Amino acid sequence: MTDSSWQKQLIWVLKGNLIIWAINALTFAILVLSGSPWTNLAFSGYFSKITLLETGVSFLVGGALAFSGSVLPSKTKEYVLKSSDEQWSIDKLRKSEKRANKYIVLAVILLVESILISLLGA
């Protein structure tokens, strides 16, 4: 990979992380405004649990993207739809793995954040 592709992937991961934390903050604000005491939310492990949930979702999305380019889905699609328009290729697999890498790196970062939040006690 070239430096520019690493930079693009890093920027994408940072943007994804920022979006996830904005969603977390919005959810936290809605819960506080609906009457939940913020101290109970902050010290009950809310952030670590929600981050761990988002980690799982990101791993699932990354895995699904990586799997979508493999031989089995391509051959199944070809068999079920009776179309031979799209043949499986190694390039298609590499493209799907490149897309999946972003989500998997994001999930790893979220997992580390979740562990750090748990250790800090929030």
C-alpha atoms as a PDB file:
ATOM      1  CA  MET A   1       0.000   0.000   0.000  1.00  0.00           C
ATOM      2  CA  THR A   2       1.189   3.486  -0.746  1.00  0.00           C
ATOM      3  CA  ASP A   3       1.426   6.251   1.795  1.00  0.00           C
ATOM      4  CA  SER A   4      -1.628   8.011   0.386  1.00  0.00           C
ATOM      5  CA  SER A   5      -3.804   4.900   0.735  1.00  0.00           C
ATOM      6  CA  TRP A   6      -2.672   4.475   4.345  1.00  0.00           C
ATOM      7  CA  GLN A   7      -3.455   8.136   4.961  1.00  0.00           C
ATOM      8  CA  LYS A   8      -6.905   7.758   3.399  1.00  0.00           C
ATOM      9  CA  GLN A   9      -7.606   4.664   5.490  1.00  0.00           C
ATOM     10  CA  LEU A  10      -6.427   6.392   8.671  1.00  0.00           C
ATOM     11  CA  ILE A  11      -8.595   9.424   7.952  1.00  0.00           C
ATOM     12  CA  TRP A  12     -11.589   7.150   7.253  1.00  0.00           C
ATOM     13  CA  VAL A  13     -11.051   5.290  10.538  1.00  0.00           C
ATOM     14  CA  LEU A  14     -10.718   8.535  12.490  1.00  0.00           C
ATOM     15  CA  LYS A  15     -13.884   9.910  10.905  1.00  0.00           C
ATOM     16  CA  GLY A  16     -15.713   6.669  11.723  1.00  0.00           C
ATOM     17  CA  ASN A  17     -14.503   6.838  15.318  1.00  0.00           C
ATOM     18  CA  LEU A  18     -15.609  10.459  15.569  1.00  0.00           C
ATOM     19  CA  ILE A  19     -19.065   9.599  14.208  1.00  0.00           C
ATOM     20  CA  ILE A  20     -19.412   6.737  16.687  1.00  0.00           C
ATOM     21  CA  TRP A  21     -18.465   8.947  19.622  1.00  0.00           C
ATOM     22  CA  ALA A  22     -20.887  11.639  18.403  1.00  0.00           C
ATOM     23  CA  ILE A  23     -23.647   9.017  18.391  1.00  0.00           C
ATOM     24  CA  ASN A  24     -22.584   7.951  21.903  1.00  0.00           C
ATOM     25  CA  ALA A  25     -22.687  11.544  23.133  1.00  0.00           C
ATOM     26  CA  LEU A  26     -26.096  12.117  21.545  1.00  0.00           C
ATOM     27  CA  THR A  27     -27.477   8.936  23.126  1.00  0.00           C
ATOM     28  CA  PHE A  28     -26.009   9.933  26.485  1.00  0.00           C
ATOM     29  CA  ALA A  29     -27.554  13.420  26.212  1.00  0.00           C
ATOM     30  CA  ILE A  30     -30.969  11.969  25.329  1.00  0.00           C
ATOM     31  CA  LEU A  31     -30.819   9.596  28.295  1.00  0.00           C
ATOM     32  CA  VAL A  32     -29.831  12.413  30.660  1.00  0.00           C
ATOM     33  CA  LEU A  33     -32.551  14.706  29.316  1.00  0.00           C
ATOM     34  CA  SER A  34     -35.122  11.937  29.708  1.00  0.00           C
ATOM     35  CA  GLY A  35     -34.449  11.805  33.432  1.00  0.00           C
ATOM     36  CA  SER A  36     -31.647   9.309  33.956  1.00  0.00           C
ATOM     37  CA  PRO A  37     -29.030  10.618  36.389  1.00  0.00           C
ATOM     38  CA  TRP A  38     -25.762  11.086  34.526  1.00  0.00           C
ATOM     39  CA  THR A  39     -23.708   9.734  37.415  1.00  0.00           C
ATOM     40  CA  ASN A  40     -25.501   6.387  37.216  1.00  0.00           C
ATOM     41  CA  LEU A  41     -24.867   6.217  33.475  1.00  0.00           C
ATOM     42  CA  ALA A  42     -21.234   7.265  33.755  1.00  0.00           C
ATOM     43  CA  PHE A  43     -20.333   4.851  36.543  1.00  0.00           C
ATOM     44  CA  SER A  44     -22.464   1.875  35.493  1.00  0.00           C
ATOM     45  CA  GLY A  45     -20.269   1.051  32.518  1.00  0.00           C
ATOM     46  CA  TYR A  46     -22.561   2.639  29.919  1.00  0.00           C
ATOM     47  CA  PHE A  47     -19.750   3.854  27.668  1.00  0.00           C
ATOM     48  CA  SER A  48     -17.733   0.644  27.800  1.00  0.00           C
ATOM     49  CA  LYS A  49     -20.791  -1.487  27.072  1.00  0.00           C
ATOM     50  CA  ILE A  50     -22.021   0.644  24.184  1.00  0.00           C
ATOM     51  CA  THR A  51     -18.500   0.803  22.723  1.00  0.00           C
ATOM     52  CA  LEU A  52     -18.191  -2.972  22.988  1.00  0.00           C
ATOM     53  CA  LEU A  53     -21.524  -3.321  21.172  1.00  0.00           C
ATOM     54  CA  GLU A  54     -20.315  -0.994  18.414  1.00  0.00           C
ATOM     55  CA  THR A  55     -17.099  -3.027  18.197  1.00  0.00           C
ATOM     56  CA  GLY A  56     -19.118  -6.165  17.555  1.00  0.00           C
ATOM     57  CA  VAL A  57     -21.201  -4.468  14.883  1.00  0.00           C
ATOM     58  CA  SER A  58     -18.076  -3.138  13.166  1.00  0.00           C
ATOM     59  CA  PHE A  59     -16.434  -6.599  13.225  1.00  0.00           C
ATOM     60  CA  LEU A  60     -19.602  -8.109  11.744  1.00  0.00           C
ATOM     61  CA  VAL A  61     -19.761  -5.521   8.958  1.00  0.00           C
ATOM     62  CA  GLY A  62     -16.059  -5.991   8.173  1.00  0.00           C
ATOM     63  CA  GLY A  63     -16.421  -9.755   8.140  1.00  0.00           C
ATOM     64  CA  ALA A  64     -19.487  -9.594   5.915  1.00  0.00           C
ATOM     65  CA  LEU A  65     -17.671  -7.329   3.461  1.00  0.00           C
ATOM     66  CA  ALA A  66     -14.666  -9.649   3.367  1.00  0.00           C
ATOM     67  CA  PHE A  67     -16.906 -12.690   2.927  1.00  0.00           C
ATOM     68  CA  SER A  68     -18.902 -11.073   0.133  1.00  0.00           C
ATOM     69  CA  GLY A  69     -15.924 -11.213  -2.220  1.00  0.00           C
ATOM     70  CA  SER A  70     -15.034 -14.823  -1.563  1.00  0.00           C
ATOM     71  CA  VAL A  71     -15.814 -17.780  -3.790  1.00  0.00           C
ATOM     72  CA  LEU A  72     -18.848 -19.148  -1.935  1.00  0.00           C
ATOM     73  CA  PRO A  73     -21.152 -16.096  -2.271  1.00  0.00           C
ATOM     74  CA  SER A  74     -20.112 -15.572  -5.876  1.00  0.00           C
ATOM     75  CA  LYS A  75     -20.764 -19.173  -6.861  1.00  0.00           C
ATOM     76  CA  THR A  76     -24.033 -19.238  -4.898  1.00  0.00           C
ATOM     77  CA  LYS A  77     -25.212 -16.086  -6.636  1.00  0.00           C
ATOM     78  CA  GLU A  78     -24.215 -17.553  -9.968  1.00  0.00           C
ATOM     79  CA  TYR A  79     -26.070 -20.796  -9.218  1.00  0.00           C
ATOM     80  CA  VAL A  80     -29.233 -19.242  -7.761  1.00  0.00           C
ATOM     81  CA  LEU A  81     -29.637 -16.467 -10.303  1.00  0.00           C
ATOM     82  CA  LYS A  82     -28.480 -18.652 -13.202  1.00  0.00           C
ATOM     83  CA  SER A  83     -26.291 -15.849 -14.444  1.00  0.00           C
ATOM     84  CA  SER A  84     -22.706 -16.130 -15.476  1.00  0.00           C
ATOM     85  CA  ASP A  85     -22.262 -12.384 -15.993  1.00  0.00           C
ATOM     86  CA  GLU A  86     -20.088 -11.910 -12.948  1.00  0.00           C
ATOM     87  CA  GLN A  87     -17.335 -14.425 -12.523  1.00  0.00           C
ATOM     88  CA  TRP A  88     -15.348 -14.640  -9.321  1.00  0.00           C
ATOM     89  CA  SER A  89     -11.893 -13.145  -9.539  1.00  0.00           C
ATOM     90  CA  ILE A  90      -9.004 -12.542  -7.209  1.00  0.00           C
ATOM     91  CA  ASP A  91      -9.303  -8.801  -7.911  1.00  0.00           C
ATOM     92  CA  LYS A  92     -12.872  -8.816  -6.659  1.00  0.00           C
ATOM     93  CA  LEU A  93     -11.706 -10.590  -3.505  1.00  0.00           C
ATOM     94  CA  ARG A  94      -8.911  -8.089  -2.943  1.00  0.00           C
ATOM     95  CA  LYS A  95     -11.284  -5.140  -3.378  1.00  0.00           C
ATOM     96  CA  SER A  96     -13.735  -6.546  -0.855  1.00  0.00           C
ATOM     97  CA  GLU A  97     -10.913  -7.235   1.606  1.00  0.00           C
ATOM     98  CA  LYS A  98      -9.652  -3.668   1.221  1.00  0.00           C
ATOM     99  CA  ARG A  99     -13.139  -2.366   2.052  1.00  0.00           C
ATOM    100  CA  ALA A 100     -13.363  -4.752   5.005  1.00  0.00           C
ATOM    101  CA  ASN A 101      -9.986  -3.704   6.388  1.00  0.00           C
ATOM    102  CA  LYS A 102     -11.325  -0.260   7.236  1.00  0.00           C
ATOM    103  CA  TYR A 103     -14.110  -1.683   9.366  1.00  0.00           C
ATOM    104  CA  ILE A 104     -11.853  -4.213  11.038  1.00  0.00           C
ATOM    105  CA  VAL A 105      -9.269  -1.560  11.958  1.00  0.00           C
ATOM    106  CA  LEU A 106     -12.092   0.614  13.290  1.00  0.00           C
ATOM    107  CA  ALA A 107     -13.353  -2.325  15.351  1.00  0.00           C
ATOM    108  CA  VAL A 108      -9.902  -2.967  16.806  1.00  0.00           C
ATOM    109  CA  ILE A 109      -9.577   0.684  17.812  1.00  0.00           C
ATOM    110  CA  LEU A 110     -13.041   0.593  19.383  1.00  0.00           C
ATOM    111  CA  LEU A 111     -12.147  -2.589  21.260  1.00  0.00           C
ATOM    112  CA  VAL A 112      -9.028  -0.953  22.700  1.00  0.00           C
ATOM    113  CA  GLU A 113     -11.104   2.104  23.648  1.00  0.00           C
ATOM    114  CA  SER A 114     -13.698  -0.111  25.317  1.00  0.00           C
ATOM    115  CA  ILE A 115     -11.026  -1.889  27.351  1.00  0.00           C
ATOM    116  CA  LEU A 116      -9.444   1.428  28.371  1.00  0.00           C
ATOM    117  CA  ILE A 117     -12.821   2.842  29.392  1.00  0.00           C
ATOM    118  CA  SER A 118     -13.514  -0.273  31.464  1.00  0.00           C
ATOM    119  CA  LEU A 119     -10.151  -0.010  33.181  1.00  0.00           C
ATOM    120  CA  LEU A 120     -10.730   3.660  33.950  1.00  0.00           C
ATOM    121  CA  GLY A 121     -14.053   2.782  35.521  1.00  0.00           C
ATOM    122  CA  ALA A 122     -16.393   4.848  33.401  1.00  0.00           C
END
